[in-house]
Structure formats: structure tokens, C-alpha cells
Amino acid sequence: MIARALSAGASFDSPDLAFERNHAEDVSKVRWNGERGHKFHESNGVVEQSSSPVRRDVVSRSLSAIKALENDEIDLEGGRLEKGRDRIVRGSRAVKFPNQALLSGCAYCISSCSMILVNKFVLSGYNFDAGISLMVYQNFISVITVTILSFLGVISTEPLTWRLIKVWLPVNVIFVGMLITSMFSLKYINVAMVTVLKNVTNVITAVGEMYLFNKRHDNRVWAALFLMIISAISGGITDLSFHAVGYAWQIINCFLTASYSLTLRRVMDTAKQVTKSGNLNEFSMVLLNNSLSLPLGVLLVIVFNEVDYLSRTPLLRLPSFWLVMTLSGFLGLAISFTSMWFLHQTGATTYSLVGSLNKIPLSVAGILLFKVPTSLENSASIFFGLLAGVFFARAKMWERSQSG
């Protein structure tokens, strides 16, 4: 809850916030002059990712989900990023480790998977019924951490001016809605089905691109999107733990995640013009999104009467619960760092493909760790949806190579 921009992505990566915030995301898409934007996570796009079930996300945090390109687009879920992105971490004298590509790839996969599983554990394992409060706490962790790192000179961020805040506020409202609905859906739906259902974000985004930006997609892309729809429908029909409320929240989340990525395209250029440097890097987006989300999140906590629940629940008196919640906040931010590191060591193609393949062990882990009841038909639908995501990532790579 990736990163949190698209979350960290995303193609988080992130459904989890990872997709929304950091990928990212698809999960799934934004365009600006060579600068990255999580999930959400994140996640294939998405916000997809971006990307990411919950950071996006993606993208927030998260998303993975939401990264930006100059001559390309990104998936909030799949994590497609620009080929030539400027380094954000100051200085180039980093400590060198052998085989950094493998090391960074493992770090990215572990952080994005862990983010979603920890969120699921908090919401379902502890039966925590204050998803908005969890989002506010995670965003607060991200703001504090990024602010400290910026103060120490480890990263660079743009100062938050009133002009920038006014430009960004509409995007942030959608961002908050994206994270909250991701939390709500993850509480009721198992991780594997959230991952498959988030593919619908790619479909909505592709249609939005066609009507809003006159973008035409290759037949391979549409074929992959069709397979995603089929897998989502068949997965829902065969889901033994089907929950109508959870599915409703997830459908809303898909529309909000797609809206976030499409709106970000329109706002990004204006936002860059009101910054002092003329750019808006990912850490600036993390700080901007999460800072603006705090007052809105507190307001929603009051509106949804979570204050009463928080005053009564014994969970807040458990040190272990606070430890897990704090861990989820740091994991959301870790998706941003590891996704950037992985992209530097490899490239957009490898990053995108790994983001898609990463959903397979995530889904398996979600089923096994939370003892999700499943059937052969449902397992086949989930696997089919995951393969459709990989096919979609490859189709987008081929489309990009043809247009480039």
C-alpha cells in the first residue's frame, strides 16, 4: 500500500494495496517525461499496477501502482515502466553486490508478495474491521519514513506547495478511494481471486485509453484482455468462498484504479509545471499522495464510525498487532525502493514479466496460508487468469516494440 504512489506500485503491483500503490498497479499506464510515478501496485498495469491486492497496488506506497513514461505507458498490475528513467537516489557510489539483478528481483518479489499477505492477515487473520484506519496508519508510516530519508539526503523530493496540492487533490481523492476499496475487498475475498479480479482493471483502462486518448491496441492485447474477463467470470462462478460484498468492493476498486491511472495522465504535465525542478519523481509522489490522504482518511474514519470500533477492540492493546501493522506500512514503502532497484538492474521488459509471474506464487501462498477452500474448477480458473496476465504483459511488450 504500493509505495505509495501506484503504489509503490503499482503492477502494485498494487489489489492489495501493493498493486494499487506500486505497479502497481496495474496492475496497469501513466505518461510523463521519463520520470517514474506503484500498486499497486501495481500491478501488469497496475496500479496495476500497479500494483498491487492492496498500492498500490498500488502503486501506493503502492503503485504498485502507478508509474510514468514519456513514450510508453505502464501497467498498474504488470509494472511496465519507462526505459530511460532518471535515478532518484542521490549519488552513484552505492555499495556493489554480486549479481544485483537476481538480488533486486528477489527483494522486489518478496516485498510485493509480503505486503499483500500481511494486509490479508491483519484484515482476516486478526479480523480487524477498520480498514480505513489501517490505510491511514500505513500512509502515516510512509510519510514519516520518506520525510526522514529526504532530510538525511538519501532521496530527493519536491517541496509540497499549495499550487501543487491544488493540482493533485482530485487525483488524491481517487487514490484514497482506490486504497480503501482494496482493503475492503481483501477482507472478504481470498488473495488468489483478488489477483485474478484485478485483471479487470486492465480492461477498463484499455477502453478508457481508446475513448479518452484515441489509443489503439493490438489484437493480441485485446485477446489477452478477453481471456482475463473469461477467467474473472469463471473464477467468480466457481469460487467456493464467494462473498457478494467483497466482489462488489473489488469491482468498484477496479474502476477507481483505472480512473486513477487515466486521470494521472491528464494531471501529470500540469503538476510538473508547478514544481520547482519541473519534475515529479516517485518519492515526491509517495510523499504527496500519502500526506494528502491523511486528513481525508481521518475524516472517513469519523464518517464510517471506525472511532467507536477502535475504542472497543482489544486488538489495539496487543503489541504483536501493532508490530504487524507497522510492518505492513514499511513493506508498502519497500515495494517502491525494491521496484526501482530492480528496474535499474534489469529493464522494463524483465520488470514487467517478473511482475506478472510473481502473481503465481502469491496466489498459491494465499490459498495455502489462509487455508482457502477451493475446487479443481476454481483452481483452473485462477491459473488461467494468471497465465492471461502473463500473456497480456507479453502482448504489451510486443505492441511497444512495434510502436517504438
Protein backbone atom coordinates (compact mmCIF):
# COMPACT_ATOMS: atom_id res chain seq x y z
CA MET A 1 0.00 0.00 0.00
CA ILE A 2 2.32 0.39 -3.26
CA ALA A 3 4.98 2.60 -2.32
CA ARG A 4 2.97 4.55 -2.31
CA ALA A 5 2.16 6.04 -5.48
CA LEU A 6 0.75 3.01 -7.56
CA SER A 7 1.99 2.11 -5.04
CA ALA A 8 4.50 1.62 -4.97
CA GLY A 9 3.00 0.35 -7.31
CA ALA A 10 1.92 -0.02 -8.70
CA SER A 11 1.57 -3.61 -11.24
CA PHE A 12 1.21 -2.96 -7.25
CA ASP A 13 1.55 -4.37 -8.24
CA SER A 14 -0.67 -2.65 -6.31
CA PRO A 15 -5.20 -5.48 -5.21
CA ASP A 16 -3.88 -5.40 -2.47
CA LEU A 17 -2.52 -2.12 -1.89
CA ALA A 18 0.62 -3.29 -3.38
CA PHE A 19 -0.78 -3.35 -6.84
CA GLU A 20 -2.53 -0.08 -6.43
CA ARG A 21 0.29 1.79 -4.98
CA ASN A 22 3.26 0.49 -6.78
CA HIS A 23 2.82 -1.12 -10.07
CA ALA A 24 1.37 -1.37 -9.38
CA GLU A 25 -0.75 -1.23 -10.18
CA ASP A 26 -1.58 -2.34 -12.67
CA VAL A 27 -1.80 -3.64 -12.49
CA SER A 28 -1.74 -1.23 -15.37
CA LYS A 29 -0.30 3.38 -17.71
CA VAL A 30 0.87 6.82 -17.00
CA ARG A 31 2.93 9.16 -19.11
CA TRP A 32 5.39 11.86 -18.10
CA ASN A 33 8.84 12.95 -19.20
CA GLY A 34 10.90 9.93 -18.31
CA GLU A 35 10.01 10.03 -14.63
CA ARG A 36 8.52 7.16 -12.69
CA GLY A 37 5.31 7.57 -10.85
CA HIS A 38 3.18 1.93 -7.62
CA LYS A 39 0.42 -0.74 -6.73
CA PHE A 40 -0.32 -1.12 -6.85
CA HIS A 41 0.78 -1.97 -7.32
CA GLU A 42 0.83 -2.10 -9.10
CA SER A 43 0.36 -4.01 -10.68
CA ASN A 44 0.68 -5.78 -15.28
CA GLY A 45 -0.55 -2.41 -15.01
CA VAL A 46 -1.13 -1.99 -12.38
CA VAL A 47 -1.76 0.01 -10.42
CA GLU A 48 -1.50 -2.45 -12.00
CA GLN A 49 -0.18 -1.92 -11.25
CA SER A 50 0.14 -1.20 -10.13
CA SER A 51 0.16 -2.61 -8.26
CA SER A 52 -0.91 -4.42 -6.45
CA PRO A 53 -4.30 -6.90 -3.65
CA VAL A 54 -3.84 -3.70 -1.97
CA ARG A 55 -0.55 0.24 -3.95
CA ARG A 56 -0.61 0.40 -4.82
CA ASP A 57 -1.41 -1.62 -5.50
CA VAL A 58 -0.58 0.00 -5.93
CA VAL A 59 1.37 1.56 -6.52
CA SER A 60 0.51 3.25 -3.14
CA ARG A 61 3.15 3.07 -1.42
CA SER A 62 1.87 1.15 -3.69
CA LEU A 63 1.55 1.63 -7.45
CA SER A 64 2.18 -0.99 -7.22
CA ALA A 65 0.71 1.09 -8.72
CA ILE A 66 1.44 3.76 -10.93
CA LYS A 67 4.47 4.67 -12.89
CA ALA A 68 5.03 7.14 -15.67
CA LEU A 69 6.56 7.04 -19.06
CA GLU A 70 7.45 9.53 -21.71
CA ASN A 71 6.94 7.43 -24.80
CA ASP A 72 5.38 4.40 -23.22
CA GLU A 73 2.65 3.53 -20.83
CA ILE A 74 2.70 1.43 -17.71
CA ASP A 75 0.55 -1.25 -16.21
CA LEU A 76 -0.53 -0.80 -12.63
CA GLU A 77 -0.54 -4.56 -12.30
CA GLY A 78 2.22 -5.58 -14.64
CA GLY A 79 4.61 -2.88 -13.70
CA ARG A 80 5.65 -1.59 -17.13
CA LEU A 81 7.98 1.31 -16.71
CA GLU A 82 9.91 3.68 -18.91
CA LYS A 83 13.14 2.55 -20.46
CA GLY A 84 15.20 5.59 -19.54
CA ARG A 85 14.32 6.76 -16.07
CA ASP A 86 16.49 9.17 -14.12
CA ARG A 87 17.97 7.90 -10.91
CA ILE A 88 16.24 9.25 -7.86
CA VAL A 89 18.65 8.18 -5.16
CA ARG A 90 21.41 10.75 -4.95
CA GLY A 91 24.89 9.71 -5.86
CA SER A 92 26.12 6.72 -7.81
CA ARG A 93 28.59 5.36 -5.31
CA ALA A 94 26.31 2.66 -3.99
CA VAL A 95 27.70 -0.45 -2.38
CA LYS A 96 28.17 -3.11 -5.04
CA PHE A 97 26.88 -6.63 -4.53
CA PRO A 98 27.46 -9.59 -6.82
CA ASN A 99 24.56 -10.49 -9.10
CA GLN A 100 22.46 -7.46 -8.18
CA ALA A 101 19.84 -8.30 -10.81
CA LEU A 102 18.94 -11.54 -9.02
CA LEU A 103 19.17 -9.93 -5.60
CA SER A 104 16.98 -6.95 -6.55
CA GLY A 105 14.46 -9.23 -8.27
CA CYS A 106 14.13 -11.41 -5.19
CA ALA A 107 13.78 -8.34 -2.95
CA TYR A 108 11.04 -6.93 -5.19
CA CYS A 109 9.10 -10.20 -5.34
CA ILE A 110 9.36 -10.83 -1.59
CA SER A 111 8.30 -7.30 -0.62
CA SER A 112 5.34 -7.18 -3.02
CA CYS A 113 4.04 -10.63 -2.03
CA SER A 114 4.59 -9.99 1.68
CA MET A 115 2.69 -6.72 1.53
CA ILE A 116 -0.49 -8.35 0.28
CA LEU A 117 -0.25 -11.35 2.58
CA VAL A 118 0.38 -9.18 5.66
CA ASN A 119 -2.60 -6.97 4.82
CA LYS A 120 -4.76 -10.05 4.40
CA PHE A 121 -3.52 -11.35 7.75
CA VAL A 122 -4.37 -8.08 9.51
CA LEU A 123 -7.84 -7.83 8.00
CA SER A 124 -8.86 -11.50 8.06
CA GLY A 125 -6.48 -13.21 10.46
CA TYR A 126 -6.97 -10.65 13.22
CA ASN A 127 -10.49 -9.89 11.95
CA PHE A 128 -9.70 -6.19 12.05
CA ASP A 129 -12.77 -4.23 10.94
CA ALA A 130 -11.19 -0.80 10.49
CA GLY A 131 -9.67 -0.92 7.01
CA ILE A 132 -9.63 2.87 6.64
CA SER A 133 -7.72 3.26 9.90
CA LEU A 134 -5.21 0.67 8.70
CA MET A 135 -4.71 2.66 5.49
CA VAL A 136 -4.22 5.89 7.45
CA TYR A 137 -1.63 4.27 9.71
CA GLN A 138 0.28 2.78 6.77
CA ASN A 139 0.28 6.11 4.94
CA PHE A 140 1.50 7.83 8.08
CA ILE A 141 4.42 5.38 8.26
CA SER A 142 5.28 6.18 4.63
CA VAL A 143 5.15 9.95 5.17
CA ILE A 144 7.41 9.79 8.24
CA THR A 145 9.92 7.47 6.55
CA VAL A 146 10.16 9.42 3.29
CA THR A 147 10.45 12.71 5.18
CA ILE A 148 13.33 11.38 7.30
CA LEU A 149 15.14 9.95 4.25
CA SER A 150 14.70 13.23 2.39
CA PHE A 151 16.02 15.20 5.39
CA LEU A 152 19.08 12.94 5.56
CA GLY A 153 19.72 13.43 1.84
CA VAL A 154 19.23 9.77 0.94
CA ILE A 155 16.46 10.62 -1.54
CA SER A 156 15.23 13.82 -3.17
CA THR A 157 11.65 15.05 -3.01
CA GLU A 158 9.82 18.10 -4.25
CA PRO A 159 8.55 20.58 -1.63
CA LEU A 160 4.78 20.43 -1.17
CA THR A 161 3.44 23.80 -2.28
CA TRP A 162 -0.19 24.95 -2.29
CA ARG A 163 -0.15 25.13 -6.10
CA LEU A 164 0.97 21.51 -6.33
CA ILE A 165 -1.55 20.39 -3.71
CA LYS A 166 -4.44 22.07 -5.55
CA VAL A 167 -3.45 20.40 -8.82
CA TRP A 168 -3.01 16.99 -7.19
CA LEU A 169 -6.03 16.93 -4.89
CA PRO A 170 -8.53 15.39 -7.41
CA VAL A 171 -6.08 12.58 -8.13
CA ASN A 172 -5.55 12.01 -4.42
CA VAL A 173 -9.28 11.62 -3.76
CA ILE A 174 -9.36 8.76 -6.28
CA PHE A 175 -6.14 7.37 -4.79
CA VAL A 176 -7.69 7.20 -1.32
CA GLY A 177 -10.83 5.55 -2.70
CA MET A 178 -8.67 3.03 -4.52
CA LEU A 179 -6.80 2.06 -1.35
CA ILE A 180 -9.89 1.86 0.83
CA THR A 181 -11.88 -0.32 -1.58
CA SER A 182 -8.82 -2.54 -1.95
CA MET A 183 -8.77 -3.01 1.83
CA PHE A 184 -12.47 -3.78 1.96
CA SER A 185 -12.33 -6.33 -0.84
CA LEU A 186 -9.24 -8.06 0.54
CA LYS A 187 -11.02 -8.66 3.84
CA TYR A 188 -13.73 -10.75 2.17
CA ILE A 189 -12.03 -12.29 -0.88
CA ASN A 190 -9.09 -14.67 -0.95
CA VAL A 191 -5.76 -13.42 -2.31
CA ALA A 192 -5.82 -15.57 -5.44
CA MET A 193 -9.23 -14.32 -6.56
CA VAL A 194 -8.33 -10.70 -5.81
CA THR A 195 -5.30 -11.13 -8.05
CA VAL A 196 -7.41 -12.52 -10.89
CA LEU A 197 -10.22 -9.99 -10.49
CA LYS A 198 -7.75 -7.11 -10.60
CA ASN A 199 -7.08 -8.05 -14.22
CA VAL A 200 -10.40 -6.37 -14.99
CA THR A 201 -8.62 -3.08 -14.27
CA ASN A 202 -6.57 -3.61 -17.42
CA VAL A 203 -9.74 -3.99 -19.47
CA ILE A 204 -11.29 -0.79 -18.12
CA THR A 205 -8.04 1.10 -18.63
CA ALA A 206 -7.69 -0.09 -22.23
CA VAL A 207 -11.24 1.03 -23.04
CA GLY A 208 -10.61 4.36 -21.32
CA GLU A 209 -7.43 4.89 -23.32
CA MET A 210 -9.33 4.20 -26.51
CA TYR A 211 -12.06 6.77 -25.83
CA LEU A 212 -10.10 9.42 -23.92
CA PHE A 213 -6.74 9.31 -25.69
CA ASN A 214 -7.65 7.69 -29.04
CA LYS A 215 -5.12 4.94 -28.35
CA ARG A 216 -5.43 1.81 -30.44
CA HIS A 217 -4.31 -1.55 -29.09
CA ASP A 218 -3.05 -4.57 -30.98
CA ASN A 219 -5.29 -7.62 -31.44
CA ARG A 220 -3.01 -9.62 -29.15
CA VAL A 221 -3.69 -7.18 -26.34
CA TRP A 222 -7.46 -7.43 -26.83
CA ALA A 223 -7.21 -11.22 -26.93
CA ALA A 224 -5.36 -11.19 -23.59
CA LEU A 225 -7.95 -8.84 -22.11
CA PHE A 226 -10.75 -11.14 -23.30
CA LEU A 227 -9.03 -14.08 -21.58
CA MET A 228 -8.82 -12.00 -18.40
CA ILE A 229 -12.57 -11.36 -18.46
CA ILE A 230 -13.32 -15.06 -19.00
CA SER A 231 -11.04 -16.08 -16.14
CA ALA A 232 -12.57 -13.49 -13.78
CA ILE A 233 -16.12 -14.65 -14.56
CA SER A 234 -15.31 -18.36 -14.33
CA GLY A 235 -13.30 -17.77 -11.15
CA GLY A 236 -16.21 -15.97 -9.52
CA ILE A 237 -18.70 -18.66 -10.50
CA THR A 238 -16.52 -21.47 -9.11
CA ASP A 239 -15.34 -19.59 -6.00
CA LEU A 240 -16.33 -21.73 -3.01
CA SER A 241 -15.79 -18.79 -0.65
CA PHE A 242 -17.73 -16.32 -2.81
CA HIS A 243 -18.72 -13.16 -0.93
CA ALA A 244 -21.01 -10.71 -2.71
CA VAL A 245 -19.89 -7.71 -0.63
CA GLY A 246 -16.23 -8.44 -1.29
CA TYR A 247 -16.80 -8.81 -5.03
CA ALA A 248 -18.77 -5.54 -5.10
CA TRP A 249 -15.90 -3.69 -3.41
CA GLN A 250 -13.42 -5.26 -5.83
CA ILE A 251 -15.41 -4.17 -8.89
CA ILE A 252 -15.50 -0.61 -7.51
CA ASN A 253 -11.78 -0.85 -6.86
CA CYS A 254 -11.10 -1.83 -10.49
CA PHE A 255 -12.95 1.26 -11.75
CA LEU A 256 -11.17 3.53 -9.26
CA THR A 257 -7.76 2.08 -10.11
CA ALA A 258 -8.36 2.58 -13.83
CA SER A 259 -9.69 6.09 -13.15
CA TYR A 260 -6.58 6.89 -11.13
CA SER A 261 -4.21 5.94 -13.93
CA LEU A 262 -6.24 7.74 -16.62
CA THR A 263 -6.66 10.88 -14.50
CA LEU A 264 -2.97 10.86 -13.64
CA ARG A 265 -2.14 11.18 -17.32
CA ARG A 266 -4.07 14.43 -17.56
CA VAL A 267 -2.77 15.86 -14.29
CA MET A 268 0.90 14.89 -14.53
CA ASP A 269 2.00 17.54 -17.01
CA THR A 270 0.28 20.29 -15.03
CA ALA A 271 1.76 19.01 -11.78
CA LYS A 272 5.27 19.07 -13.23
CA GLN A 273 4.85 22.67 -14.27
CA VAL A 274 4.15 23.84 -10.71
CA THR A 275 7.16 22.08 -9.15
CA LYS A 276 10.44 23.88 -8.61
CA SER A 277 12.51 21.38 -10.59
CA GLY A 278 9.97 20.80 -13.34
CA ASN A 279 9.81 17.09 -12.47
CA LEU A 280 7.92 14.88 -10.04
CA ASN A 281 9.79 11.71 -9.12
CA GLU A 282 8.31 8.69 -7.44
CA PHE A 283 9.29 9.59 -3.91
CA SER A 284 7.70 13.00 -4.35
CA MET A 285 4.52 11.25 -5.46
CA VAL A 286 4.70 8.95 -2.43
CA LEU A 287 5.05 11.92 -0.12
CA LEU A 288 2.36 13.93 -1.92
CA ASN A 289 -0.22 11.15 -2.14
CA ASN A 290 0.23 9.91 1.40
CA SER A 291 0.39 13.36 3.01
CA LEU A 292 -2.83 14.47 1.33
CA SER A 293 -4.51 11.17 2.18
CA LEU A 294 -4.09 11.63 5.93
CA PRO A 295 -6.71 14.39 6.56
CA LEU A 296 -9.14 12.77 4.13
CA GLY A 297 -8.56 9.38 5.74
CA VAL A 298 -9.18 10.75 9.24
CA LEU A 299 -12.41 12.32 8.00
CA LEU A 300 -13.55 8.98 6.55
CA VAL A 301 -12.66 7.20 9.79
CA ILE A 302 -15.12 9.52 11.54
CA VAL A 303 -17.79 9.22 8.82
CA PHE A 304 -17.66 5.40 8.82
CA ASN A 305 -17.70 5.42 12.64
CA GLU A 306 -14.48 3.46 12.95
CA VAL A 307 -13.64 5.53 16.03
CA ASP A 308 -16.23 3.61 18.03
CA TYR A 309 -14.81 0.28 16.85
CA LEU A 310 -11.25 1.36 17.65
CA SER A 311 -12.27 2.37 21.17
CA ARG A 312 -13.76 -1.07 21.83
CA THR A 313 -11.44 -3.52 20.06
CA PRO A 314 -8.89 -5.33 22.25
CA LEU A 315 -6.54 -5.65 19.26
CA LEU A 316 -5.03 -2.23 19.89
CA ARG A 317 -3.76 -3.47 23.22
CA LEU A 318 -1.76 -6.28 21.58
CA PRO A 319 1.90 -5.39 20.86
CA SER A 320 2.00 -8.11 18.20
CA PHE A 321 -0.86 -6.45 16.32
CA TRP A 322 0.94 -3.09 16.27
CA LEU A 323 4.08 -4.85 15.08
CA VAL A 324 2.26 -6.45 12.15
CA MET A 325 0.52 -3.18 11.22
CA THR A 326 3.81 -1.28 11.32
CA LEU A 327 5.45 -3.98 9.23
CA SER A 328 2.74 -3.58 6.60
CA GLY A 329 3.49 0.14 6.42
CA PHE A 330 7.21 -0.43 5.87
CA LEU A 331 6.54 -3.18 3.33
CA GLY A 332 4.44 -0.78 1.26
CA LEU A 333 7.33 1.64 1.09
CA ALA A 334 9.81 -1.18 0.47
CA ILE A 335 8.00 -2.01 -2.76
CA SER A 336 8.89 1.43 -4.12
CA PHE A 337 12.56 1.05 -3.28
CA THR A 338 12.93 -2.54 -4.49
CA SER A 339 10.97 -1.96 -7.71
CA MET A 340 13.22 1.00 -8.56
CA TRP A 341 16.33 -1.02 -7.72
CA PHE A 342 15.14 -3.98 -9.82
CA LEU A 343 14.31 -1.76 -12.78
CA HIS A 344 17.77 -0.17 -12.65
CA GLN A 345 19.45 -3.58 -12.65
CA THR A 346 17.38 -5.11 -15.46
CA GLY A 347 14.94 -3.22 -17.66
CA ALA A 348 11.28 -2.58 -18.39
CA THR A 349 10.75 -5.91 -20.19
CA THR A 350 12.16 -8.08 -17.40
CA TYR A 351 10.43 -5.96 -14.76
CA SER A 352 7.06 -6.34 -16.44
CA LEU A 353 7.36 -10.08 -16.97
CA VAL A 354 8.56 -10.78 -13.43
CA GLY A 355 5.67 -8.65 -12.11
CA SER A 356 3.21 -10.90 -13.95
CA LEU A 357 4.90 -14.16 -12.98
CA ASN A 358 5.10 -13.00 -9.35
CA LYS A 359 1.32 -13.34 -9.06
CA ILE A 360 1.54 -17.13 -9.42
CA PRO A 361 3.46 -17.86 -6.17
CA LEU A 362 1.44 -15.10 -4.47
CA SER A 363 -1.82 -16.81 -5.34
CA VAL A 364 -0.55 -20.22 -4.26
CA ALA A 365 0.74 -18.78 -0.98
CA GLY A 366 -2.57 -17.04 -0.36
CA ILE A 367 -4.50 -20.29 -0.80
CA LEU A 368 -2.17 -22.36 1.39
CA LEU A 369 -1.51 -19.86 4.21
CA PHE A 370 -5.15 -18.92 4.70
CA LYS A 371 -6.49 -22.43 4.03
CA VAL A 372 -8.85 -21.25 1.30
CA PRO A 373 -11.39 -23.89 0.25
CA THR A 374 -11.05 -24.47 -3.47
CA SER A 375 -12.05 -26.85 -6.22
CA LEU A 376 -10.39 -28.10 -9.36
CA GLU A 377 -12.57 -25.78 -11.44
CA ASN A 378 -11.73 -22.74 -9.36
CA SER A 379 -8.02 -23.55 -9.29
CA ALA A 380 -8.07 -23.93 -13.07
CA SER A 381 -9.82 -20.56 -13.44
CA ILE A 382 -7.25 -18.87 -11.21
CA PHE A 383 -4.34 -20.43 -13.08
CA PHE A 384 -5.95 -19.48 -16.39
CA GLY A 385 -6.29 -15.88 -15.20
CA LEU A 386 -2.66 -15.76 -14.10
CA LEU A 387 -1.50 -17.05 -17.47
CA ALA A 388 -3.72 -14.45 -19.16
CA GLY A 389 -1.85 -11.81 -17.15
CA VAL A 390 1.50 -13.11 -18.43
CA PHE A 391 0.11 -13.21 -21.97
CA PHE A 392 -1.08 -9.62 -21.54
CA ALA A 393 2.39 -8.49 -20.41
CA ARG A 394 4.00 -10.16 -23.42
CA ALA A 395 1.40 -8.68 -25.78
CA LYS A 396 2.07 -5.19 -24.41
CA MET A 397 5.80 -5.71 -24.86
CA TRP A 398 5.28 -6.75 -28.47
CA GLU A 399 2.95 -3.77 -29.06
CA ARG A 400 5.53 -1.42 -27.58
CA SER A 401 8.33 -2.85 -29.71
CA GLN A 402 6.23 -2.38 -32.85
CA SER A 403 5.31 1.22 -32.00
CA GLY A 404 8.88 2.02 -30.99
